[in-house]
Amino acid sequence: MTLSKAKPRFSRPPPASIRQAGASLVEFAIIAPAFLLLMIGVIELSMAYFANLTMQHAVREGARYAVTGNKDLDPASSNQQRYQAVIQKMKASSMGIYDKVNPIITVNGTSGTSAGMFGNSGDIVVISVECNWKFATPLMAAFFKDGKSRFVVAATMRNESFGGL
């Protein structure tokens, strides 16, 4: 006669830790994409804000250069060369952001270079730069027209006393 083990008629439910083993993974799979999109959005908005602040600094440095009477290395400096020198000062102060924002520069209400652009001693010089920061991800591009954040930075200063310009 062989003895067989009898199975109990009613089995116990598995412990709670075994029943919940897959729930955390499912919850993570649901929440992770939304969390990552939110984090990428915060990073991109932070980069646009950084670009705004950096360009404000660069324009301020360019305006300061324009009003202090600094001369270019070329002794025969003309208004075109002075304008280019101010642009170079802005580029140097922008930490590489200048080329990424496709700036449109206006000096004293006129675009481009013109005679007397920076005025004479004691005159007010206003340098305004319109910038376009292009977002990298479609998530942020959906919230902004053409996927770009447009901002204008400006600096207003009075020309110092200087001669020969």
N, C-alpha and C. Protein backbone atom coordinates (compact mmCIF):
# COMPACT_ATOMS: atom_id res chain seq x y z
N MET A 1 0.82 -1.14 0.00
CA MET A 1 0.00 0.00 0.00
C MET A 1 0.90 1.24 0.00
N THR A 2 0.62 2.12 -0.92
CA THR A 2 1.43 3.35 -1.01
C THR A 2 0.64 4.51 -0.42
N LEU A 3 1.41 5.30 0.24
CA LEU A 3 0.79 6.50 0.82
C LEU A 3 1.01 7.67 -0.12
N SER A 4 0.01 8.31 -0.48
CA SER A 4 0.14 9.50 -1.33
C SER A 4 -0.21 10.71 -0.50
N LYS A 5 0.45 11.76 -0.87
CA LYS A 5 0.17 13.00 -0.17
C LYS A 5 -1.11 13.59 -0.71
N ALA A 6 -1.95 13.88 0.13
CA ALA A 6 -3.22 14.46 -0.28
C ALA A 6 -3.08 15.98 -0.36
N LYS A 7 -3.63 16.53 -1.40
CA LYS A 7 -3.60 17.98 -1.55
C LYS A 7 -4.71 18.57 -0.70
N PRO A 8 -4.39 19.69 -0.08
CA PRO A 8 -5.47 20.30 0.71
C PRO A 8 -6.55 20.81 -0.22
N ARG A 9 -7.73 20.78 0.27
CA ARG A 9 -8.85 21.20 -0.55
C ARG A 9 -8.83 22.70 -0.82
N PHE A 10 -8.45 23.51 0.16
CA PHE A 10 -8.40 24.96 0.01
C PHE A 10 -6.96 25.41 0.21
N SER A 11 -6.41 26.07 -0.83
CA SER A 11 -5.03 26.54 -0.68
C SER A 11 -5.05 28.00 -0.22
N ARG A 12 -4.00 28.37 0.43
CA ARG A 12 -3.87 29.75 0.90
C ARG A 12 -3.51 30.67 -0.25
N PRO A 13 -3.97 31.92 -0.22
CA PRO A 13 -3.54 32.87 -1.26
C PRO A 13 -2.06 33.20 -1.06
N PRO A 14 -1.38 33.55 -2.15
CA PRO A 14 0.04 33.89 -2.00
C PRO A 14 0.20 35.14 -1.15
N PRO A 15 1.36 35.29 -0.53
CA PRO A 15 1.58 36.48 0.30
C PRO A 15 1.46 37.77 -0.53
N ALA A 16 1.21 38.87 0.15
CA ALA A 16 0.99 40.16 -0.52
C ALA A 16 2.21 40.60 -1.33
N SER A 17 3.42 40.30 -0.87
CA SER A 17 4.62 40.71 -1.60
C SER A 17 4.71 40.05 -2.96
N ILE A 18 4.24 38.85 -3.10
CA ILE A 18 4.28 38.16 -4.38
C ILE A 18 3.20 38.73 -5.30
N ARG A 19 2.02 39.05 -4.78
CA ARG A 19 0.95 39.60 -5.60
C ARG A 19 1.31 40.98 -6.14
N GLN A 20 2.09 41.76 -5.41
CA GLN A 20 2.43 43.13 -5.81
C GLN A 20 3.72 43.23 -6.60
N ALA A 21 4.36 42.12 -6.89
CA ALA A 21 5.68 42.15 -7.53
C ALA A 21 5.67 42.87 -8.87
N GLY A 22 4.69 42.73 -9.69
CA GLY A 22 4.66 43.36 -11.01
C GLY A 22 4.02 44.74 -11.02
N ALA A 23 3.35 45.12 -9.95
CA ALA A 23 2.63 46.39 -9.91
C ALA A 23 3.58 47.58 -9.99
N SER A 24 4.70 47.50 -9.33
CA SER A 24 5.66 48.62 -9.35
C SER A 24 6.19 48.84 -10.76
N LEU A 25 6.46 47.77 -11.45
CA LEU A 25 6.96 47.88 -12.82
C LEU A 25 5.92 48.51 -13.74
N VAL A 26 4.70 48.14 -13.61
CA VAL A 26 3.62 48.71 -14.42
C VAL A 26 3.43 50.19 -14.10
N GLU A 27 3.46 50.53 -12.82
CA GLU A 27 3.32 51.94 -12.43
C GLU A 27 4.48 52.77 -12.99
N PHE A 28 5.68 52.23 -12.93
CA PHE A 28 6.84 52.94 -13.47
C PHE A 28 6.69 53.13 -14.98
N ALA A 29 6.23 52.12 -15.68
CA ALA A 29 6.07 52.21 -17.13
C ALA A 29 5.02 53.26 -17.51
N ILE A 30 4.06 53.48 -16.65
CA ILE A 30 3.03 54.48 -16.94
C ILE A 30 3.54 55.89 -16.63
N ILE A 31 4.23 56.05 -15.53
CA ILE A 31 4.65 57.37 -15.06
C ILE A 31 5.95 57.85 -15.71
N ALA A 32 6.87 56.98 -16.02
CA ALA A 32 8.20 57.37 -16.52
C ALA A 32 8.15 58.25 -17.77
N PRO A 33 7.39 57.94 -18.81
CA PRO A 33 7.39 58.82 -19.99
C PRO A 33 6.90 60.24 -19.67
N ALA A 34 5.86 60.35 -18.87
CA ALA A 34 5.35 61.68 -18.51
C ALA A 34 6.39 62.45 -17.69
N PHE A 35 7.03 61.77 -16.77
CA PHE A 35 8.06 62.41 -15.94
C PHE A 35 9.25 62.85 -16.79
N LEU A 36 9.70 62.01 -17.70
CA LEU A 36 10.84 62.37 -18.56
C LEU A 36 10.49 63.54 -19.48
N LEU A 37 9.28 63.56 -20.04
CA LEU A 37 8.87 64.69 -20.87
C LEU A 37 8.83 65.99 -20.06
N LEU A 38 8.35 65.91 -18.85
CA LEU A 38 8.32 67.08 -17.98
C LEU A 38 9.74 67.57 -17.69
N MET A 39 10.64 66.66 -17.39
CA MET A 39 12.03 67.04 -17.10
C MET A 39 12.71 67.64 -18.32
N ILE A 40 12.48 67.08 -19.50
CA ILE A 40 13.07 67.63 -20.72
C ILE A 40 12.51 69.03 -20.98
N GLY A 41 11.23 69.23 -20.74
CA GLY A 41 10.63 70.55 -20.90
C GLY A 41 11.24 71.57 -19.96
N VAL A 42 11.47 71.19 -18.72
CA VAL A 42 12.10 72.10 -17.75
C VAL A 42 13.52 72.43 -18.19
N ILE A 43 14.25 71.45 -18.67
CA ILE A 43 15.63 71.69 -19.13
C ILE A 43 15.64 72.62 -20.33
N GLU A 44 14.73 72.40 -21.27
CA GLU A 44 14.70 73.26 -22.47
C GLU A 44 14.30 74.70 -22.13
N LEU A 45 13.32 74.88 -21.25
CA LEU A 45 12.95 76.23 -20.84
C LEU A 45 14.11 76.90 -20.10
N SER A 46 14.84 76.12 -19.32
CA SER A 46 16.01 76.67 -18.62
C SER A 46 17.07 77.11 -19.61
N MET A 47 17.26 76.35 -20.68
CA MET A 47 18.24 76.73 -21.70
C MET A 47 17.82 78.01 -22.41
N ALA A 48 16.52 78.16 -22.69
CA ALA A 48 16.04 79.39 -23.33
C ALA A 48 16.23 80.59 -22.40
N TYR A 49 16.00 80.40 -21.12
CA TYR A 49 16.20 81.48 -20.15
C TYR A 49 17.68 81.83 -20.05
N PHE A 50 18.54 80.82 -20.06
CA PHE A 50 19.98 81.05 -20.04
C PHE A 50 20.42 81.83 -21.28
N ALA A 51 19.86 81.50 -22.44
CA ALA A 51 20.19 82.22 -23.67
C ALA A 51 19.77 83.68 -23.56
N ASN A 52 18.60 83.92 -22.98
CA ASN A 52 18.13 85.29 -22.79
C ASN A 52 19.09 86.08 -21.90
N LEU A 53 19.46 85.52 -20.76
CA LEU A 53 20.38 86.20 -19.85
C LEU A 53 21.75 86.41 -20.47
N THR A 54 22.24 85.42 -21.19
CA THR A 54 23.55 85.53 -21.82
C THR A 54 23.56 86.60 -22.89
N MET A 55 22.50 86.66 -23.69
CA MET A 55 22.43 87.70 -24.72
C MET A 55 22.26 89.09 -24.10
N GLN A 56 21.56 89.18 -22.98
CA GLN A 56 21.45 90.48 -22.30
C GLN A 56 22.83 90.95 -21.86
N HIS A 57 23.61 90.04 -21.32
CA HIS A 57 24.99 90.38 -20.93
C HIS A 57 25.82 90.80 -22.14
N ALA A 58 25.70 90.05 -23.23
CA ALA A 58 26.49 90.34 -24.44
C ALA A 58 26.13 91.70 -25.02
N VAL A 59 24.84 92.03 -25.06
CA VAL A 59 24.41 93.32 -25.59
C VAL A 59 24.90 94.46 -24.68
N ARG A 60 24.85 94.24 -23.40
CA ARG A 60 25.35 95.26 -22.47
C ARG A 60 26.84 95.49 -22.68
N GLU A 61 27.60 94.42 -22.87
CA GLU A 61 29.04 94.56 -23.13
C GLU A 61 29.29 95.26 -24.46
N GLY A 62 28.51 94.92 -25.48
CA GLY A 62 28.66 95.58 -26.79
C GLY A 62 28.33 97.06 -26.70
N ALA A 63 27.28 97.41 -25.97
CA ALA A 63 26.92 98.83 -25.81
C ALA A 63 28.00 99.57 -25.03
N ARG A 64 28.52 98.94 -24.02
CA ARG A 64 29.59 99.57 -23.24
C ARG A 64 30.80 99.83 -24.12
N TYR A 65 31.14 98.85 -24.94
CA TYR A 65 32.25 99.03 -25.88
C TYR A 65 31.96 100.18 -26.83
N ALA A 66 30.73 100.29 -27.30
CA ALA A 66 30.36 101.32 -28.27
C ALA A 66 30.45 102.72 -27.69
N VAL A 67 30.13 102.89 -26.41
CA VAL A 67 30.06 104.24 -25.84
C VAL A 67 31.34 104.70 -25.16
N THR A 68 32.30 103.82 -24.96
CA THR A 68 33.50 104.23 -24.23
C THR A 68 34.54 104.87 -25.12
N GLY A 69 34.33 104.85 -26.44
CA GLY A 69 35.31 105.47 -27.32
C GLY A 69 36.46 104.56 -27.66
N ASN A 70 36.36 103.28 -27.34
CA ASN A 70 37.42 102.33 -27.73
C ASN A 70 37.56 102.32 -29.23
N LYS A 71 38.78 102.21 -29.69
CA LYS A 71 39.02 102.20 -31.14
C LYS A 71 39.45 100.80 -31.57
N ASP A 72 39.20 100.53 -32.82
CA ASP A 72 39.65 99.25 -33.40
C ASP A 72 41.15 99.30 -33.57
N LEU A 73 41.75 98.18 -33.89
CA LEU A 73 43.18 98.13 -34.13
C LEU A 73 43.57 98.88 -35.39
N ASP A 74 42.65 98.97 -36.32
CA ASP A 74 42.91 99.70 -37.57
C ASP A 74 42.79 101.20 -37.29
N PRO A 75 43.88 101.99 -37.53
CA PRO A 75 43.81 103.42 -37.23
C PRO A 75 42.82 104.16 -38.12
N ALA A 76 42.50 103.62 -39.28
CA ALA A 76 41.55 104.27 -40.18
C ALA A 76 40.16 103.69 -39.97
N SER A 77 39.73 103.65 -38.72
CA SER A 77 38.45 102.99 -38.44
C SER A 77 37.28 103.83 -38.95
N SER A 78 36.40 103.17 -39.64
CA SER A 78 35.19 103.82 -40.15
C SER A 78 34.01 103.29 -39.33
N ASN A 79 32.84 103.81 -39.61
CA ASN A 79 31.64 103.38 -38.89
C ASN A 79 31.38 101.89 -39.10
N GLN A 80 31.63 101.39 -40.31
CA GLN A 80 31.42 99.97 -40.60
C GLN A 80 32.33 99.12 -39.71
N GLN A 81 33.59 99.52 -39.60
CA GLN A 81 34.52 98.75 -38.77
C GLN A 81 34.13 98.85 -37.30
N ARG A 82 33.66 100.00 -36.87
CA ARG A 82 33.24 100.17 -35.49
C ARG A 82 32.03 99.27 -35.20
N TYR A 83 31.09 99.23 -36.12
CA TYR A 83 29.93 98.37 -35.98
C TYR A 83 30.38 96.90 -35.86
N GLN A 84 31.30 96.50 -36.73
CA GLN A 84 31.81 95.12 -36.69
C GLN A 84 32.54 94.84 -35.38
N ALA A 85 33.25 95.84 -34.86
CA ALA A 85 33.95 95.66 -33.58
C ALA A 85 32.95 95.46 -32.44
N VAL A 86 31.85 96.21 -32.47
CA VAL A 86 30.81 96.05 -31.45
C VAL A 86 30.19 94.66 -31.56
N ILE A 87 29.94 94.21 -32.79
CA ILE A 87 29.39 92.85 -33.00
C ILE A 87 30.37 91.80 -32.46
N GLN A 88 31.64 91.98 -32.74
CA GLN A 88 32.65 91.03 -32.25
C GLN A 88 32.67 91.00 -30.73
N LYS A 89 32.51 92.15 -30.10
CA LYS A 89 32.47 92.22 -28.63
C LYS A 89 31.25 91.46 -28.11
N MET A 90 30.11 91.61 -28.79
CA MET A 90 28.91 90.87 -28.38
C MET A 90 29.12 89.37 -28.55
N LYS A 91 29.71 88.98 -29.69
CA LYS A 91 29.96 87.54 -29.92
C LYS A 91 30.89 86.97 -28.85
N ALA A 92 31.94 87.72 -28.53
CA ALA A 92 32.91 87.25 -27.55
C ALA A 92 32.28 87.13 -26.16
N SER A 93 31.30 87.95 -25.86
CA SER A 93 30.66 87.96 -24.54
C SER A 93 29.48 87.00 -24.44
N SER A 94 29.10 86.38 -25.54
CA SER A 94 27.88 85.57 -25.54
C SER A 94 28.10 84.08 -25.29
N MET A 95 29.32 83.65 -25.12
CA MET A 95 29.62 82.23 -24.86
C MET A 95 29.05 81.30 -25.92
N GLY A 96 29.05 81.73 -27.18
CA GLY A 96 28.59 80.89 -28.27
C GLY A 96 27.09 80.95 -28.54
N ILE A 97 26.35 81.64 -27.72
CA ILE A 97 24.89 81.71 -27.89
C ILE A 97 24.54 82.62 -29.07
N TYR A 98 25.36 83.62 -29.35
CA TYR A 98 25.09 84.61 -30.40
C TYR A 98 24.72 83.94 -31.72
N ASP A 99 25.51 82.94 -32.13
CA ASP A 99 25.26 82.28 -33.42
C ASP A 99 24.02 81.39 -33.39
N LYS A 100 23.59 80.95 -32.21
CA LYS A 100 22.44 80.05 -32.12
C LYS A 100 21.10 80.78 -32.12
N VAL A 101 21.10 82.10 -31.85
CA VAL A 101 19.83 82.81 -31.72
C VAL A 101 19.48 83.63 -32.96
N ASN A 102 20.31 83.61 -33.99
CA ASN A 102 20.06 84.37 -35.23
C ASN A 102 19.64 85.81 -34.92
N PRO A 103 20.54 86.61 -34.37
CA PRO A 103 20.15 87.94 -33.90
C PRO A 103 19.86 88.93 -35.03
N ILE A 104 18.90 89.81 -34.76
CA ILE A 104 18.62 90.96 -35.63
C ILE A 104 18.95 92.18 -34.79
N ILE A 105 19.98 92.92 -35.20
CA ILE A 105 20.52 94.00 -34.39
C ILE A 105 19.99 95.34 -34.88
N THR A 106 19.58 96.17 -33.94
CA THR A 106 19.12 97.53 -34.22
C THR A 106 19.89 98.48 -33.31
N VAL A 107 20.48 99.51 -33.92
CA VAL A 107 21.20 100.52 -33.14
C VAL A 107 20.50 101.85 -33.35
N ASN A 108 20.06 102.47 -32.26
CA ASN A 108 19.35 103.76 -32.31
C ASN A 108 18.19 103.74 -33.30
N GLY A 109 17.49 102.63 -33.34
CA GLY A 109 16.30 102.54 -34.18
C GLY A 109 16.54 102.18 -35.63
N THR A 110 17.80 101.96 -36.05
CA THR A 110 18.07 101.59 -37.45
C THR A 110 18.81 100.26 -37.49
N SER A 111 18.46 99.44 -38.46
CA SER A 111 19.17 98.18 -38.66
C SER A 111 20.35 98.41 -39.59
N GLY A 112 21.38 97.62 -39.43
CA GLY A 112 22.56 97.74 -40.30
C GLY A 112 23.44 98.89 -39.86
N THR A 113 24.35 99.29 -40.73
CA THR A 113 25.29 100.36 -40.38
C THR A 113 24.93 101.61 -41.16
N SER A 114 25.00 102.73 -40.49
CA SER A 114 24.76 104.01 -41.14
C SER A 114 25.68 105.05 -40.54
N ALA A 115 25.85 106.13 -41.23
CA ALA A 115 26.74 107.18 -40.76
C ALA A 115 26.24 107.72 -39.43
N GLY A 116 27.15 107.89 -38.50
CA GLY A 116 26.78 108.43 -37.20
C GLY A 116 25.92 107.51 -36.37
N MET A 117 26.02 106.22 -36.61
CA MET A 117 25.17 105.24 -35.93
C MET A 117 25.28 105.34 -34.42
N PHE A 118 26.48 105.51 -33.90
CA PHE A 118 26.68 105.53 -32.46
C PHE A 118 26.63 106.95 -31.89
N GLY A 119 26.40 107.92 -32.73
CA GLY A 119 26.23 109.29 -32.26
C GLY A 119 27.52 109.95 -31.83
N ASN A 120 27.37 111.10 -31.21
CA ASN A 120 28.51 111.89 -30.74
C ASN A 120 28.60 111.80 -29.23
N SER A 121 29.60 112.45 -28.69
CA SER A 121 29.80 112.47 -27.26
C SER A 121 28.55 113.02 -26.57
N GLY A 122 28.08 112.33 -25.56
CA GLY A 122 26.90 112.74 -24.82
C GLY A 122 25.59 112.21 -25.37
N ASP A 123 25.57 111.66 -26.57
CA ASP A 123 24.35 111.12 -27.15
C ASP A 123 24.00 109.77 -26.51
N ILE A 124 22.73 109.45 -26.57
CA ILE A 124 22.24 108.16 -26.06
C ILE A 124 22.38 107.11 -27.17
N VAL A 125 22.92 105.96 -26.81
CA VAL A 125 23.04 104.84 -27.74
C VAL A 125 22.14 103.71 -27.23
N VAL A 126 21.25 103.24 -28.11
CA VAL A 126 20.37 102.12 -27.77
C VAL A 126 20.68 100.98 -28.73
N ILE A 127 21.13 99.86 -28.18
CA ILE A 127 21.38 98.67 -28.99
C ILE A 127 20.33 97.64 -28.58
N SER A 128 19.55 97.20 -29.56
CA SER A 128 18.48 96.24 -29.34
C SER A 128 18.73 95.02 -30.23
N VAL A 129 18.57 93.85 -29.67
CA VAL A 129 18.80 92.61 -30.42
C VAL A 129 17.59 91.70 -30.25
N GLU A 130 16.97 91.35 -31.39
CA GLU A 130 15.88 90.38 -31.40
C GLU A 130 16.47 89.00 -31.62
N CYS A 131 16.12 88.07 -30.74
CA CYS A 131 16.69 86.73 -30.80
C CYS A 131 15.59 85.69 -30.97
N ASN A 132 15.93 84.58 -31.59
CA ASN A 132 15.04 83.44 -31.76
C ASN A 132 15.74 82.19 -31.25
N TRP A 133 15.27 81.64 -30.15
CA TRP A 133 15.84 80.41 -29.60
C TRP A 133 15.00 79.24 -30.10
N LYS A 134 15.62 78.34 -30.86
CA LYS A 134 14.91 77.19 -31.43
C LYS A 134 14.98 76.03 -30.45
N PHE A 135 13.82 75.48 -30.13
CA PHE A 135 13.77 74.34 -29.22
C PHE A 135 14.14 73.07 -29.96
N ALA A 136 14.79 72.16 -29.25
CA ALA A 136 15.29 70.92 -29.86
C ALA A 136 14.22 69.83 -29.91
N THR A 137 13.32 69.82 -28.96
CA THR A 137 12.35 68.73 -28.92
C THR A 137 10.98 69.20 -29.40
N PRO A 138 10.24 68.32 -30.02
CA PRO A 138 8.89 68.67 -30.48
C PRO A 138 7.95 69.01 -29.32
N LEU A 139 8.25 68.50 -28.13
CA LEU A 139 7.41 68.78 -26.98
C LEU A 139 7.31 70.29 -26.73
N MET A 140 8.43 70.98 -26.68
CA MET A 140 8.43 72.42 -26.44
C MET A 140 8.05 73.19 -27.70
N ALA A 141 8.41 72.66 -28.84
CA ALA A 141 8.09 73.34 -30.10
C ALA A 141 6.58 73.47 -30.29
N ALA A 142 5.84 72.55 -29.72
CA ALA A 142 4.38 72.60 -29.86
C ALA A 142 3.77 73.78 -29.12
N PHE A 143 4.44 74.28 -28.10
CA PHE A 143 3.90 75.37 -27.30
C PHE A 143 4.31 76.75 -27.81
N PHE A 144 5.25 76.81 -28.75
CA PHE A 144 5.75 78.08 -29.26
C PHE A 144 5.57 78.15 -30.77
N LYS A 145 5.27 79.33 -31.27
CA LYS A 145 5.06 79.51 -32.70
C LYS A 145 6.35 79.17 -33.44
N ASP A 146 6.26 78.35 -34.46
CA ASP A 146 7.40 77.89 -35.27
C ASP A 146 8.45 77.18 -34.43
N GLY A 147 8.13 76.74 -33.23
CA GLY A 147 9.09 76.03 -32.39
C GLY A 147 10.21 76.91 -31.88
N LYS A 148 9.98 78.23 -31.83
CA LYS A 148 11.02 79.16 -31.40
C LYS A 148 10.48 80.08 -30.31
N SER A 149 11.36 80.39 -29.38
CA SER A 149 11.06 81.40 -28.37
C SER A 149 11.70 82.70 -28.85
N ARG A 150 10.89 83.74 -29.01
CA ARG A 150 11.39 85.03 -29.48
C ARG A 150 11.52 85.96 -28.28
N PHE A 151 12.68 86.60 -28.18
CA PHE A 151 12.87 87.58 -27.12
C PHE A 151 13.76 88.71 -27.62
N VAL A 152 13.61 89.86 -27.00
CA VAL A 152 14.38 91.04 -27.37
C VAL A 152 15.16 91.48 -26.14
N VAL A 153 16.45 91.71 -26.32
CA VAL A 153 17.29 92.25 -25.26
C VAL A 153 17.85 93.58 -25.74
N ALA A 154 18.05 94.51 -24.82
CA ALA A 154 18.51 95.84 -25.23
C ALA A 154 19.38 96.44 -24.13
N ALA A 155 20.19 97.41 -24.53
CA ALA A 155 21.00 98.18 -23.60
C ALA A 155 20.98 99.63 -24.06
N THR A 156 20.82 100.53 -23.10
CA THR A 156 20.80 101.97 -23.38
C THR A 156 21.89 102.62 -22.55
N MET A 157 22.77 103.36 -23.22
CA MET A 157 23.88 104.03 -22.52
C MET A 157 24.15 105.38 -23.18
N ARG A 158 24.80 106.27 -22.43
CA ARG A 158 25.17 107.58 -22.94
C ARG A 158 26.63 107.55 -23.36
N ASN A 159 26.92 108.07 -24.54
CA ASN A 159 28.29 108.15 -25.04
C ASN A 159 29.16 108.96 -24.08
N GLU A 160 30.37 108.45 -23.85
CA GLU A 160 31.33 109.17 -23.04
C GLU A 160 32.05 110.19 -23.92
N SER A 161 32.77 111.06 -23.27
CA SER A 161 33.55 112.07 -24.04
C SER A 161 34.72 111.37 -24.69
N PHE A 162 34.77 111.47 -25.99
CA PHE A 162 35.89 110.90 -26.73
C PHE A 162 36.04 111.70 -28.01
N GLY A 163 37.20 111.65 -28.58
CA GLY A 163 37.45 112.42 -29.79
C GLY A 163 37.75 111.53 -30.98
N GLY A 164 37.50 112.04 -32.14
CA GLY A 164 37.90 111.36 -33.36
C GLY A 164 36.98 110.25 -33.82
N LEU A 165 35.82 110.10 -33.23
CA LEU A 165 34.95 109.02 -33.68
C LEU A 165 33.74 109.56 -34.37
